Structure formats: structure tokens, C-alpha cells
Amino acid sequence: MDSYQDSANIAVVQELNQIISLLEAQIPANPQSPKNQRLAKGLERELVKYFNSIERAFPYGKLSAIYNKYAEKE
């Protein structure tokens, strides 16, 4: 009879864990929810595009020449 109760308790614990996981996914601030993970990936893609465009727009290769031309030496 003990083994039946143990298996029943294990089943109950598994069910509770599944319910908790479903409820956690619905919490708006939960970073592990599927919706928030999709949003985070989208934000990451947008930030990569943004910083790549900044890198292309600014002439980093000419930065040292510009600095040397306009910086005053003490």
C-alpha cells in the first residue's frame, strides 16, 4: 500500500509542477515566459541592426586622423 501512496504522491507533485509552470508563464514580468523570450530576441535583433548602422555611419577608420588634426597638444 505504501508504494501506491508514493506513486500517487509523485503524480500529484508532477501535476503541481506542471500547473506552476503554466502559471509562471503567464506572469508578465517573467523573463522565462515564451512571449517575453520572443520579445527579447526581437529587441536583440533590432539593437544589432541599430548598432551596425551606427558603425557604418561613423567613419571609425578616420577617427585617428580627425583627432590628430583637431586636438590641441599641450
C-alpha atoms as a PDB file:
ATOM      1  CA  MET A   1       0.000   0.000   0.000  1.00  0.00           C
ATOM      2  CA  ASP A   2       2.934   2.342   0.684  1.00  0.00           C
ATOM      3  CA  SER A   3       4.233   2.079  -2.860  1.00  0.00           C
ATOM      4  CA  TYR A   4       0.785   3.049  -4.177  1.00  0.00           C
ATOM      5  CA  GLN A   5       0.755   6.143  -1.952  1.00  0.00           C
ATOM      6  CA  ASP A   6       4.285   7.026  -3.009  1.00  0.00           C
ATOM      7  CA  SER A   7       3.407   6.804  -6.688  1.00  0.00           C
ATOM      8  CA  ALA A   8       0.243   8.808  -6.072  1.00  0.00           C
ATOM      9  CA  ASN A   9       2.233  11.478  -4.240  1.00  0.00           C
ATOM     10  CA  ILE A  10       4.748  11.610  -7.081  1.00  0.00           C
ATOM     11  CA  ALA A  11       1.928  12.019  -9.590  1.00  0.00           C
ATOM     12  CA  VAL A  12       0.412  14.840  -7.535  1.00  0.00           C
ATOM     13  CA  VAL A  13       3.770  16.599  -7.274  1.00  0.00           C
ATOM     14  CA  GLN A  14       4.277  16.295 -11.037  1.00  0.00           C
ATOM     15  CA  GLU A  15       0.825  17.733 -11.692  1.00  0.00           C
ATOM     16  CA  LEU A  16       1.502  20.609  -9.317  1.00  0.00           C
ATOM     17  CA  ASN A  17       4.814  21.333 -11.023  1.00  0.00           C
ATOM     18  CA  GLN A  18       3.082  21.440 -14.406  1.00  0.00           C
ATOM     19  CA  ILE A  19       0.430  23.810 -13.073  1.00  0.00           C
ATOM     20  CA  ILE A  20       3.093  26.039 -11.527  1.00  0.00           C
ATOM     21  CA  SER A  21       4.994  26.135 -14.831  1.00  0.00           C
ATOM     22  CA  LEU A  22       1.829  27.135 -16.697  1.00  0.00           C
ATOM     23  CA  LEU A  23       1.077  29.858 -14.158  1.00  0.00           C
ATOM     24  CA  GLU A  24       4.659  31.166 -14.199  1.00  0.00           C
ATOM     25  CA  ALA A  25       4.477  31.519 -17.976  1.00  0.00           C
ATOM     26  CA  GLN A  26       1.539  33.903 -17.525  1.00  0.00           C
ATOM     27  CA  ILE A  27       3.348  36.278 -15.138  1.00  0.00           C
ATOM     28  CA  PRO A  28       4.003  39.500 -17.105  1.00  0.00           C
ATOM     29  CA  ALA A  29       7.475  40.136 -15.671  1.00  0.00           C
ATOM     30  CA  ASN A  30       8.687  36.556 -16.016  1.00  0.00           C
ATOM     31  CA  PRO A  31      11.738  36.627 -18.328  1.00  0.00           C
ATOM     32  CA  GLN A  32      11.381  32.898 -18.971  1.00  0.00           C
ATOM     33  CA  SER A  33       7.874  33.107 -20.424  1.00  0.00           C
ATOM     34  CA  PRO A  34       7.726  32.248 -24.138  1.00  0.00           C
ATOM     35  CA  LYS A  35       6.208  35.626 -25.010  1.00  0.00           C
ATOM     36  CA  ASN A  36       8.951  37.559 -23.203  1.00  0.00           C
ATOM     37  CA  GLN A  37      11.664  35.387 -24.737  1.00  0.00           C
ATOM     38  CA  ARG A  38      10.297  36.172 -28.224  1.00  0.00           C
ATOM     39  CA  LEU A  39      10.199  39.863 -27.371  1.00  0.00           C
ATOM     40  CA  ALA A  40      13.770  39.740 -26.060  1.00  0.00           C
ATOM     41  CA  LYS A  41      15.002  38.079 -29.257  1.00  0.00           C
ATOM     42  CA  GLY A  42      13.214  40.721 -31.333  1.00  0.00           C
ATOM     43  CA  LEU A  43      14.743  43.508 -29.264  1.00  0.00           C
ATOM     44  CA  GLU A  44      18.175  41.943 -29.634  1.00  0.00           C
ATOM     45  CA  ARG A  45      17.786  41.836 -33.424  1.00  0.00           C
ATOM     46  CA  GLU A  46      16.695  45.479 -33.519  1.00  0.00           C
ATOM     47  CA  LEU A  47      19.619  46.567 -31.339  1.00  0.00           C
ATOM     48  CA  VAL A  48      22.074  44.681 -33.540  1.00  0.00           C
ATOM     49  CA  LYS A  49      20.665  46.457 -36.607  1.00  0.00           C
ATOM     50  CA  TYR A  50      20.851  49.817 -34.846  1.00  0.00           C
ATOM     51  CA  PHE A  51      24.445  49.481 -33.671  1.00  0.00           C
ATOM     52  CA  ASN A  52      25.550  48.092 -37.026  1.00  0.00           C
ATOM     53  CA  SER A  53      24.025  51.121 -38.740  1.00  0.00           C
ATOM     54  CA  ILE A  54      25.835  53.448 -36.320  1.00  0.00           C
ATOM     55  CA  GLU A  55      29.091  51.656 -37.039  1.00  0.00           C
ATOM     56  CA  ARG A  56      28.574  52.066 -40.788  1.00  0.00           C
ATOM     57  CA  ALA A  57      27.544  55.721 -40.444  1.00  0.00           C
ATOM     58  CA  PHE A  58      30.526  56.840 -38.360  1.00  0.00           C
ATOM     59  CA  PRO A  59      33.963  56.757 -40.012  1.00  0.00           C
ATOM     60  CA  TYR A  60      35.888  54.969 -37.267  1.00  0.00           C
ATOM     61  CA  GLY A  61      38.773  54.380 -39.651  1.00  0.00           C
ATOM     62  CA  LYS A  62      39.285  58.137 -39.978  1.00  0.00           C
ATOM     63  CA  LEU A  63      38.955  58.829 -36.272  1.00  0.00           C
ATOM     64  CA  SER A  64      42.675  58.988 -35.507  1.00  0.00           C
ATOM     65  CA  ALA A  65      43.330  61.382 -38.420  1.00  0.00           C
ATOM     66  CA  ILE A  66      40.469  63.640 -37.318  1.00  0.00           C
ATOM     67  CA  TYR A  67      41.678  63.573 -33.720  1.00  0.00           C
ATOM     68  CA  ASN A  68      45.262  64.369 -34.661  1.00  0.00           C
ATOM     69  CA  LYS A  69      44.097  67.207 -36.918  1.00  0.00           C
ATOM     70  CA  TYR A  70      41.867  68.996 -34.394  1.00  0.00           C
ATOM     71  CA  ALA A  71      43.232  68.030 -30.970  1.00  0.00           C
ATOM     72  CA  GLU A  72      45.435  70.595 -29.333  1.00  0.00           C
ATOM     73  CA  LYS A  73      48.660  69.322 -27.884  1.00  0.00           C
ATOM     74  CA  GLU A  74      49.801  70.650 -24.547  1.00  0.00           C
END
